[in-house]
Amino acid sequence: MEKLEAFQVAARKGGFVEVEECEDGTVLWLRKAAPDAGTSTHQRMCMDSTTNSVTVYWMNVGGKVDSKTFRDVTTLQEWFAPRPVASVGK
């Protein structure tokens, strides 16, 4: 899991906590500490040292599971960054 240390730091800053590591140590599961407001479910994250990637899973408002895979820490950090809400014309 040492290869994914930078991902782990970014995940913790993004509100994720460790849940489980697989027996052989190639996969680490985390979950978001707080549930999503719209679905009341916790996002899950799988860190895979074999592929050097992280996949985040979440439930959308339609009740379906969505996912996004990241292969570099910077892209994950950008995805965590708050997005401005577009305002409707006045």
PDB file of N, CA and C in Angstrom:
ATOM      1  N   MET A   1       0.814  -1.213   0.000  1.00  0.00           N
ATOM      2  CA  MET A   1       0.000   0.000   0.000  1.00  0.00           C
ATOM      3  C   MET A   1       0.853   1.270   0.000  1.00  0.00           C
ATOM      4  N   GLU A   2       2.157   1.114   0.130  1.00  0.00           N
ATOM      5  CA  GLU A   2       3.029   2.281   0.159  1.00  0.00           C
ATOM      6  C   GLU A   2       2.940   3.090  -1.134  1.00  0.00           C
ATOM      7  N   LYS A   3       2.708   2.397  -2.247  1.00  0.00           N
ATOM      8  CA  LYS A   3       2.606   3.083  -3.537  1.00  0.00           C
ATOM      9  C   LYS A   3       1.447   4.075  -3.546  1.00  0.00           C
ATOM     10  N   LEU A   4       0.450   3.822  -2.731  1.00  0.00           N
ATOM     11  CA  LEU A   4      -0.757   4.657  -2.752  1.00  0.00           C
ATOM     12  C   LEU A   4      -0.824   5.645  -1.597  1.00  0.00           C
ATOM     13  N   GLU A   5       0.313   5.895  -0.957  1.00  0.00           N
ATOM     14  CA  GLU A   5       0.322   6.789   0.210  1.00  0.00           C
ATOM     15  C   GLU A   5      -0.219   8.182  -0.125  1.00  0.00           C
ATOM     16  N   ALA A   6       0.160   8.744  -1.262  1.00  0.00           N
ATOM     17  CA  ALA A   6      -0.330  10.076  -1.651  1.00  0.00           C
ATOM     18  C   ALA A   6      -1.837  10.054  -1.864  1.00  0.00           C
ATOM     19  N   PHE A   7      -2.366   8.967  -2.438  1.00  0.00           N
ATOM     20  CA  PHE A   7      -3.811   8.820  -2.588  1.00  0.00           C
ATOM     21  C   PHE A   7      -4.487   8.771  -1.210  1.00  0.00           C
ATOM     22  N   GLN A   8      -3.873   8.064  -0.272  1.00  0.00           N
ATOM     23  CA  GLN A   8      -4.451   7.948   1.068  1.00  0.00           C
ATOM     24  C   GLN A   8      -4.519   9.307   1.756  1.00  0.00           C
ATOM     25  N   VAL A   9      -3.478  10.095   1.628  1.00  0.00           N
ATOM     26  CA  VAL A   9      -3.461  11.433   2.224  1.00  0.00           C
ATOM     27  C   VAL A   9      -4.579  12.284   1.613  1.00  0.00           C
ATOM     28  N   ALA A  10      -4.703  12.259   0.291  1.00  0.00           N
ATOM     29  CA  ALA A  10      -5.749  13.024  -0.394  1.00  0.00           C
ATOM     30  C   ALA A  10      -7.131  12.545   0.028  1.00  0.00           C
ATOM     31  N   ALA A  11      -7.308  11.229   0.151  1.00  0.00           N
ATOM     32  CA  ALA A  11      -8.613  10.673   0.545  1.00  0.00           C
ATOM     33  C   ALA A  11      -8.998  11.134   1.942  1.00  0.00           C
ATOM     34  N   ARG A  12      -8.066  11.105   2.866  1.00  0.00           N
ATOM     35  CA  ARG A  12      -8.363  11.556   4.243  1.00  0.00           C
ATOM     36  C   ARG A  12      -8.720  13.035   4.275  1.00  0.00           C
ATOM     37  N   LYS A  13      -7.999  13.842   3.489  1.00  0.00           N
ATOM     38  CA  LYS A  13      -8.331  15.269   3.402  1.00  0.00           C
ATOM     39  C   LYS A  13      -9.700  15.467   2.762  1.00  0.00           C
ATOM     40  N   GLY A  14     -10.115  14.516   1.904  1.00  0.00           N
ATOM     41  CA  GLY A  14     -11.416  14.573   1.253  1.00  0.00           C
ATOM     42  C   GLY A  14     -12.544  14.004   2.103  1.00  0.00           C
ATOM     43  N   GLY A  15     -12.245  13.601   3.339  1.00  0.00           N
ATOM     44  CA  GLY A  15     -13.274  13.125   4.249  1.00  0.00           C
ATOM     45  C   GLY A  15     -13.475  11.626   4.292  1.00  0.00           C
ATOM     46  N   PHE A  16     -12.528  10.844   3.740  1.00  0.00           N
ATOM     47  CA  PHE A  16     -12.652   9.391   3.750  1.00  0.00           C
ATOM     48  C   PHE A  16     -11.904   8.781   4.931  1.00  0.00           C
ATOM     49  N   VAL A  17     -12.433   7.696   5.452  1.00  0.00           N
ATOM     50  CA  VAL A  17     -11.804   6.957   6.543  1.00  0.00           C
ATOM     51  C   VAL A  17     -11.620   5.506   6.106  1.00  0.00           C
ATOM     52  N   GLU A  18     -10.579   4.854   6.636  1.00  0.00           N
ATOM     53  CA  GLU A  18     -10.281   3.475   6.261  1.00  0.00           C
ATOM     54  C   GLU A  18     -11.333   2.522   6.808  1.00  0.00           C
ATOM     55  N   VAL A  19     -11.719   1.566   5.977  1.00  0.00           N
ATOM     56  CA  VAL A  19     -12.708   0.570   6.374  1.00  0.00           C
ATOM     57  C   VAL A  19     -12.055  -0.812   6.461  1.00  0.00           C
ATOM     58  N   GLU A  20     -11.373  -1.231   5.399  1.00  0.00           N
ATOM     59  CA  GLU A  20     -10.848  -2.593   5.358  1.00  0.00           C
ATOM     60  C   GLU A  20      -9.720  -2.710   4.348  1.00  0.00           C
ATOM     61  N   GLU A  21      -8.733  -3.542   4.682  1.00  0.00           N
ATOM     62  CA  GLU A  21      -7.663  -3.863   3.741  1.00  0.00           C
ATOM     63  C   GLU A  21      -7.764  -5.347   3.431  1.00  0.00           C
ATOM     64  N   CYS A  22      -7.601  -5.710   2.165  1.00  0.00           N
ATOM     65  CA  CYS A  22      -7.711  -7.126   1.814  1.00  0.00           C
ATOM     66  C   CYS A  22      -6.518  -7.890   2.373  1.00  0.00           C
ATOM     67  N   GLU A  23      -6.665  -9.195   2.451  1.00  0.00           N
ATOM     68  CA  GLU A  23      -5.673 -10.060   3.068  1.00  0.00           C
ATOM     69  C   GLU A  23      -4.281  -9.929   2.473  1.00  0.00           C
ATOM     70  N   ASP A  24      -4.199  -9.852   1.152  1.00  0.00           N
ATOM     71  CA  ASP A  24      -2.884  -9.779   0.522  1.00  0.00           C
ATOM     72  C   ASP A  24      -2.334  -8.362   0.447  1.00  0.00           C
ATOM     73  N   GLY A  25      -3.107  -7.385   0.909  1.00  0.00           N
ATOM     74  CA  GLY A  25      -2.633  -6.010   0.987  1.00  0.00           C
ATOM     75  C   GLY A  25      -2.614  -5.245  -0.318  1.00  0.00           C
ATOM     76  N   THR A  26      -3.300  -5.720  -1.350  1.00  0.00           N
ATOM     77  CA  THR A  26      -3.289  -5.006  -2.628  1.00  0.00           C
ATOM     78  C   THR A  26      -4.443  -4.037  -2.778  1.00  0.00           C
ATOM     79  N   VAL A  27      -5.482  -4.189  -1.950  1.00  0.00           N
ATOM     80  CA  VAL A  27      -6.659  -3.325  -2.051  1.00  0.00           C
ATOM     81  C   VAL A  27      -7.004  -2.769  -0.676  1.00  0.00           C
ATOM     82  N   LEU A  28      -7.311  -1.487  -0.641  1.00  0.00           N
ATOM     83  CA  LEU A  28      -7.731  -0.826   0.588  1.00  0.00           C
ATOM     84  C   LEU A  28      -9.068  -0.155   0.325  1.00  0.00           C
ATOM     85  N   TRP A  29     -10.056  -0.417   1.179  1.00  0.00           N
ATOM     86  CA  TRP A  29     -11.373   0.196   1.057  1.00  0.00           C
ATOM     87  C   TRP A  29     -11.520   1.302   2.076  1.00  0.00           C
ATOM     88  N   LEU A  30     -12.091   2.429   1.635  1.00  0.00           N
ATOM     89  CA  LEU A  30     -12.393   3.548   2.517  1.00  0.00           C
ATOM     90  C   LEU A  30     -13.835   3.964   2.267  1.00  0.00           C
ATOM     91  N   ARG A  31     -14.392   4.726   3.186  1.00  0.00           N
ATOM     92  CA  ARG A  31     -15.721   5.279   2.976  1.00  0.00           C
ATOM     93  C   ARG A  31     -15.718   6.713   3.473  1.00  0.00           C
ATOM     94  N   LYS A  32     -16.604   7.501   2.912  1.00  0.00           N
ATOM     95  CA  LYS A  32     -16.729   8.893   3.316  1.00  0.00           C
ATOM     96  C   LYS A  32     -17.302   8.905   4.730  1.00  0.00           C
ATOM     97  N   ALA A  33     -16.730   9.708   5.602  1.00  0.00           N
ATOM     98  CA  ALA A  33     -17.165   9.756   6.998  1.00  0.00           C
ATOM     99  C   ALA A  33     -18.610  10.240   7.102  1.00  0.00           C
ATOM    100  N   ALA A  34     -18.975  11.206   6.272  1.00  0.00           N
ATOM    101  CA  ALA A  34     -20.338  11.759   6.300  1.00  0.00           C
ATOM    102  C   ALA A  34     -21.109  11.286   5.069  1.00  0.00           C
ATOM    103  N   PRO A  35     -22.393  10.990   5.228  1.00  0.00           N
ATOM    104  CA  PRO A  35     -23.181  10.565   4.066  1.00  0.00           C
ATOM    105  C   PRO A  35     -23.471  11.735   3.125  1.00  0.00           C
ATOM    106  N   ASP A  36     -23.731  11.417   1.860  1.00  0.00           N
ATOM    107  CA  ASP A  36     -24.139  12.435   0.892  1.00  0.00           C
ATOM    108  C   ASP A  36     -25.500  12.983   1.298  1.00  0.00           C
ATOM    109  N   ALA A  37     -25.682  14.271   1.146  1.00  0.00           N
ATOM    110  CA  ALA A  37     -26.940  14.916   1.540  1.00  0.00           C
ATOM    111  C   ALA A  37     -28.126  14.424   0.723  1.00  0.00           C
ATOM    112  N   GLY A  38     -27.942  14.235  -0.568  1.00  0.00           N
ATOM    113  CA  GLY A  38     -29.059  13.874  -1.437  1.00  0.00           C
ATOM    114  C   GLY A  38     -29.523  12.434  -1.309  1.00  0.00           C
ATOM    115  N   THR A  39     -28.620  11.516  -0.932  1.00  0.00           N
ATOM    116  CA  THR A  39     -28.976  10.097  -0.908  1.00  0.00           C
ATOM    117  C   THR A  39     -28.841   9.456   0.466  1.00  0.00           C
ATOM    118  N   SER A  40     -28.218  10.145   1.392  1.00  0.00           N
ATOM    119  CA  SER A  40     -27.959   9.623   2.748  1.00  0.00           C
ATOM    120  C   SER A  40     -27.108   8.352   2.734  1.00  0.00           C
ATOM    121  N   THR A  41     -26.319   8.158   1.680  1.00  0.00           N
ATOM    122  CA  THR A  41     -25.401   7.017   1.608  1.00  0.00           C
ATOM    123  C   THR A  41     -23.967   7.527   1.657  1.00  0.00           C
ATOM    124  N   HIS A  42     -23.060   6.655   2.045  1.00  0.00           N
ATOM    125  CA  HIS A  42     -21.643   7.006   2.130  1.00  0.00           C
ATOM    126  C   HIS A  42     -20.937   6.617   0.837  1.00  0.00           C
ATOM    127  N   GLN A  43     -20.160   7.541   0.289  1.00  0.00           N
ATOM    128  CA  GLN A  43     -19.330   7.192  -0.857  1.00  0.00           C
ATOM    129  C   GLN A  43     -18.304   6.160  -0.411  1.00  0.00           C
ATOM    130  N   ARG A  44     -17.904   5.279  -1.306  1.00  0.00           N
ATOM    131  CA  ARG A  44     -16.880   4.273  -1.046  1.00  0.00           C
ATOM    132  C   ARG A  44     -15.716   4.513  -1.993  1.00  0.00           C
ATOM    133  N   MET A  45     -14.530   4.133  -1.538  1.00  0.00           N
ATOM    134  CA  MET A  45     -13.335   4.291  -2.354  1.00  0.00           C
ATOM    135  C   MET A  45     -12.520   3.011  -2.278  1.00  0.00           C
ATOM    136  N   CYS A  46     -12.067   2.545  -3.431  1.00  0.00           N
ATOM    137  CA  CYS A  46     -11.208   1.370  -3.509  1.00  0.00           C
ATOM    138  C   CYS A  46      -9.854   1.803  -4.059  1.00  0.00           C
ATOM    139  N   MET A  47      -8.806   1.588  -3.260  1.00  0.00           N
ATOM    140  CA  MET A  47      -7.444   1.871  -3.699  1.00  0.00           C
ATOM    141  C   MET A  47      -6.801   0.548  -4.082  1.00  0.00           C
ATOM    142  N   ASP A  48      -6.306   0.470  -5.303  1.00  0.00           N
ATOM    143  CA  ASP A  48      -5.757  -0.772  -5.834  1.00  0.00           C
ATOM    144  C   ASP A  48      -4.276  -0.580  -6.155  1.00  0.00           C
ATOM    145  N   SER A  49      -3.403  -1.239  -5.390  1.00  0.00           N
ATOM    146  CA  SER A  49      -1.961  -1.075  -5.621  1.00  0.00           C
ATOM    147  C   SER A  49      -1.484  -1.834  -6.852  1.00  0.00           C
ATOM    148  N   THR A  50      -2.255  -2.794  -7.343  1.00  0.00           N
ATOM    149  CA  THR A  50      -1.874  -3.521  -8.550  1.00  0.00           C
ATOM    150  C   THR A  50      -1.984  -2.618  -9.776  1.00  0.00           C
ATOM    151  N   THR A  51      -3.041  -1.806  -9.837  1.00  0.00           N
ATOM    152  CA  THR A  51      -3.243  -0.917 -10.982  1.00  0.00           C
ATOM    153  C   THR A  51      -2.829   0.523 -10.689  1.00  0.00           C
ATOM    154  N   ASN A  52      -2.407   0.798  -9.442  1.00  0.00           N
ATOM    155  CA  ASN A  52      -2.063   2.158  -9.020  1.00  0.00           C
ATOM    156  C   ASN A  52      -3.194   3.132  -9.336  1.00  0.00           C
ATOM    157  N   SER A  53      -4.400   2.733  -8.961  1.00  0.00           N
ATOM    158  CA  SER A  53      -5.557   3.571  -9.235  1.00  0.00           C
ATOM    159  C   SER A  53      -6.497   3.582  -8.034  1.00  0.00           C
ATOM    160  N   VAL A  54      -7.392   4.544  -8.054  1.00  0.00           N
ATOM    161  CA  VAL A  54      -8.416   4.697  -7.028  1.00  0.00           C
ATOM    162  C   VAL A  54      -9.753   4.824  -7.748  1.00  0.00           C
ATOM    163  N   THR A  55     -10.754   4.110  -7.275  1.00  0.00           N
ATOM    164  CA  THR A  55     -12.096   4.236  -7.825  1.00  0.00           C
ATOM    165  C   THR A  55     -13.038   4.649  -6.709  1.00  0.00           C
ATOM    166  N   VAL A  56     -13.819   5.703  -6.966  1.00  0.00           N
ATOM    167  CA  VAL A  56     -14.809   6.180  -6.011  1.00  0.00           C
ATOM    168  C   VAL A  56     -16.180   5.741  -6.509  1.00  0.00           C
ATOM    169  N   TYR A  57     -16.978   5.201  -5.590  1.00  0.00           N
ATOM    170  CA  TYR A  57     -18.334   4.744  -5.898  1.00  0.00           C
ATOM    171  C   TYR A  57     -19.320   5.554  -5.065  1.00  0.00           C
ATOM    172  N   TRP A  58     -20.457   5.922  -5.690  1.00  0.00           N
ATOM    173  CA  TRP A  58     -21.500   6.635  -4.967  1.00  0.00           C
ATOM    174  C   TRP A  58     -22.849   6.321  -5.591  1.00  0.00           C
ATOM    175  N   MET A  59     -23.899   6.585  -4.837  1.00  0.00           N
ATOM    176  CA  MET A  59     -25.243   6.364  -5.347  1.00  0.00           C
ATOM    177  C   MET A  59     -25.800   7.707  -5.805  1.00  0.00           C
ATOM    178  N   ASN A  60     -26.319   7.749  -7.030  1.00  0.00           N
ATOM    179  CA  ASN A  60     -26.882   9.009  -7.527  1.00  0.00           C
ATOM    180  C   ASN A  60     -28.326   9.146  -7.039  1.00  0.00           C
ATOM    181  N   VAL A  61     -28.924  10.294  -7.284  1.00  0.00           N
ATOM    182  CA  VAL A  61     -30.282  10.537  -6.795  1.00  0.00           C
ATOM    183  C   VAL A  61     -31.303   9.601  -7.425  1.00  0.00           C
ATOM    184  N   GLY A  62     -30.962   8.967  -8.533  1.00  0.00           N
ATOM    185  CA  GLY A  62     -31.850   8.003  -9.170  1.00  0.00           C
ATOM    186  C   GLY A  62     -31.740   6.610  -8.559  1.00  0.00           C
ATOM    187  N   GLY A  63     -30.842   6.458  -7.576  1.00  0.00           N
ATOM    188  CA  GLY A  63     -30.684   5.175  -6.907  1.00  0.00           C
ATOM    189  C   GLY A  63     -29.727   4.223  -7.587  1.00  0.00           C
ATOM    190  N   LYS A  64     -28.988   4.705  -8.589  1.00  0.00           N
ATOM    191  CA  LYS A  64     -28.021   3.854  -9.285  1.00  0.00           C
ATOM    192  C   LYS A  64     -26.605   4.175  -8.813  1.00  0.00           C
ATOM    193  N   VAL A  65     -25.746   3.170  -8.867  1.00  0.00           N
ATOM    194  CA  VAL A  65     -24.358   3.351  -8.460  1.00  0.00           C
ATOM    195  C   VAL A  65     -23.565   3.944  -9.614  1.00  0.00           C
ATOM    196  N   ASP A  66     -22.824   5.009  -9.310  1.00  0.00           N
ATOM    197  CA  ASP A  66     -21.907   5.632 -10.263  1.00  0.00           C
ATOM    198  C   ASP A  66     -20.489   5.420  -9.749  1.00  0.00           C
ATOM    199  N   SER A  67     -19.519   5.554 -10.631  1.00  0.00           N
ATOM    200  CA  SER A  67     -18.127   5.427 -10.203  1.00  0.00           C
ATOM    201  C   SER A  67     -17.227   6.277 -11.090  1.00  0.00           C
ATOM    202  N   LYS A  68     -16.068   6.594 -10.545  1.00  0.00           N
ATOM    203  CA  LYS A  68     -15.062   7.338 -11.296  1.00  0.00           C
ATOM    204  C   LYS A  68     -13.702   6.826 -10.844  1.00  0.00           C
ATOM    205  N   THR A  69     -12.832   6.530 -11.801  1.00  0.00           N
ATOM    206  CA  THR A  69     -11.496   6.014 -11.509  1.00  0.00           C
ATOM    207  C   THR A  69     -10.461   7.101 -11.735  1.00  0.00           C
ATOM    208  N   PHE A  70      -9.492   7.156 -10.816  1.00  0.00           N
ATOM    209  CA  PHE A  70      -8.423   8.152 -10.873  1.00  0.00           C
ATOM    210  C   PHE A  70      -7.082   7.439 -10.905  1.00  0.00           C
ATOM    211  N   ARG A  71      -6.200   7.914 -11.770  1.00  0.00           N
ATOM    212  CA  ARG A  71      -4.873   7.314 -11.879  1.00  0.00           C
ATOM    213  C   ARG A  71      -3.779   8.250 -11.376  1.00  0.00           C
ATOM    214  N   ASP A  72      -4.146   9.488 -11.017  1.00  0.00           N
ATOM    215  CA  ASP A  72      -3.174  10.385 -10.390  1.00  0.00           C
ATOM    216  C   ASP A  72      -3.849  11.197  -9.288  1.00  0.00           C
ATOM    217  N   VAL A  73      -3.056  11.545  -8.304  1.00  0.00           N
ATOM    218  CA  VAL A  73      -3.563  12.217  -7.100  1.00  0.00           C
ATOM    219  C   VAL A  73      -4.134  13.591  -7.414  1.00  0.00           C
ATOM    220  N   THR A  74      -3.497  14.326  -8.291  1.00  0.00           N
ATOM    221  CA  THR A  74      -3.947  15.676  -8.615  1.00  0.00           C
ATOM    222  C   THR A  74      -5.378  15.678  -9.144  1.00  0.00           C
ATOM    223  N   THR A  75      -5.693  14.746 -10.006  1.00  0.00           N
ATOM    224  CA  THR A  75      -7.048  14.664 -10.562  1.00  0.00           C
ATOM    225  C   THR A  75      -8.053  14.339  -9.468  1.00  0.00           C
ATOM    226  N   LEU A  76      -7.699  13.463  -8.538  1.00  0.00           N
ATOM    227  CA  LEU A  76      -8.581  13.141  -7.409  1.00  0.00           C
ATOM    228  C   LEU A  76      -8.806  14.383  -6.550  1.00  0.00           C
ATOM    229  N   GLN A  77      -7.750  15.114  -6.249  1.00  0.00           N
ATOM    230  CA  GLN A  77      -7.868  16.332  -5.442  1.00  0.00           C
ATOM    231  C   GLN A  77      -8.751  17.363  -6.138  1.00  0.00           C
ATOM    232  N   GLU A  78      -8.618  17.500  -7.448  1.00  0.00           N
ATOM    233  CA  GLU A  78      -9.462  18.437  -8.196  1.00  0.00           C
ATOM    234  C   GLU A  78     -10.924  18.017  -8.140  1.00  0.00           C
ATOM    235  N   TRP A  79     -11.176  16.718  -8.179  1.00  0.00           N
ATOM    236  CA  TRP A  79     -12.542  16.206  -8.125  1.00  0.00           C
ATOM    237  C   TRP A  79     -13.171  16.484  -6.759  1.00  0.00           C
ATOM    238  N   PHE A  80     -12.344  16.445  -5.694  1.00  0.00           N
ATOM    239  CA  PHE A  80     -12.825  16.751  -4.338  1.00  0.00           C
ATOM    240  C   PHE A  80     -13.146  18.235  -4.156  1.00  0.00           C
ATOM    241  N   ALA A  81     -12.479  19.098  -4.914  1.00  0.00           N
ATOM    242  CA  ALA A  81     -12.621  20.544  -4.731  1.00  0.00           C
ATOM    243  C   ALA A  81     -14.076  20.969  -4.931  1.00  0.00           C
ATOM    244  N   PRO A  82     -14.548  21.896  -4.077  1.00  0.00           N
ATOM    245  CA  PRO A  82     -15.935  22.370  -4.244  1.00  0.00           C
ATOM    246  C   PRO A  82     -16.122  23.048  -5.592  1.00  0.00           C
ATOM    247  N   ARG A  83     -17.286  22.854  -6.153  1.00  0.00           N
ATOM    248  CA  ARG A  83     -17.613  23.459  -7.446  1.00  0.00           C
ATOM    249  C   ARG A  83     -18.576  24.615  -7.206  1.00  0.00           C
ATOM    250  N   PRO A  84     -18.371  25.707  -7.898  1.00  0.00           N
ATOM    251  CA  PRO A  84     -19.299  26.827  -7.738  1.00  0.00           C
ATOM    252  C   PRO A  84     -20.688  26.457  -8.256  1.00  0.00           C
ATOM    253  N   VAL A  85     -21.698  26.924  -7.559  1.00  0.00           N
ATOM    254  CA  VAL A  85     -23.078  26.672  -7.972  1.00  0.00           C
ATOM    255  C   VAL A  85     -23.481  27.763  -8.951  1.00  0.00           C
ATOM    256  N   ALA A  86     -23.971  27.363 -10.112  1.00  0.00           N
ATOM    257  CA  ALA A  86     -24.412  28.336 -11.116  1.00  0.00           C
ATOM    258  C   ALA A  86     -25.708  28.972 -10.647  1.00  0.00           C
ATOM    259  N   SER A  87     -25.752  30.277 -10.720  1.00  0.00           N
ATOM    260  CA  SER A  87     -26.965  30.967 -10.303  1.00  0.00           C
ATOM    261  C   SER A  87     -27.829  31.250 -11.522  1.00  0.00           C
ATOM    262  N   VAL A  88     -29.119  31.190 -11.313  1.00  0.00           N
ATOM    263  CA  VAL A  88     -30.068  31.462 -12.378  1.00  0.00           C
ATOM    264  C   VAL A  88     -30.180  32.970 -12.523  1.00  0.00           C
ATOM    265  N   GLY A  89     -30.271  33.441 -13.759  1.00  0.00           N
ATOM    266  CA  GLY A  89     -30.324  34.894 -14.029  1.00  0.00           C
ATOM    267  C   GLY A  89     -31.345  35.620 -13.182  1.00  0.00           C
ATOM    268  N   LYS A  90     -30.993  36.853 -12.810  1.00  0.00           N
ATOM    269  CA  LYS A  90     -31.876  37.665 -11.943  1.00  0.00           C
ATOM    270  C   LYS A  90     -32.812  38.495 -12.764  1.00  0.00           C
TER     271      LYS A  90
END
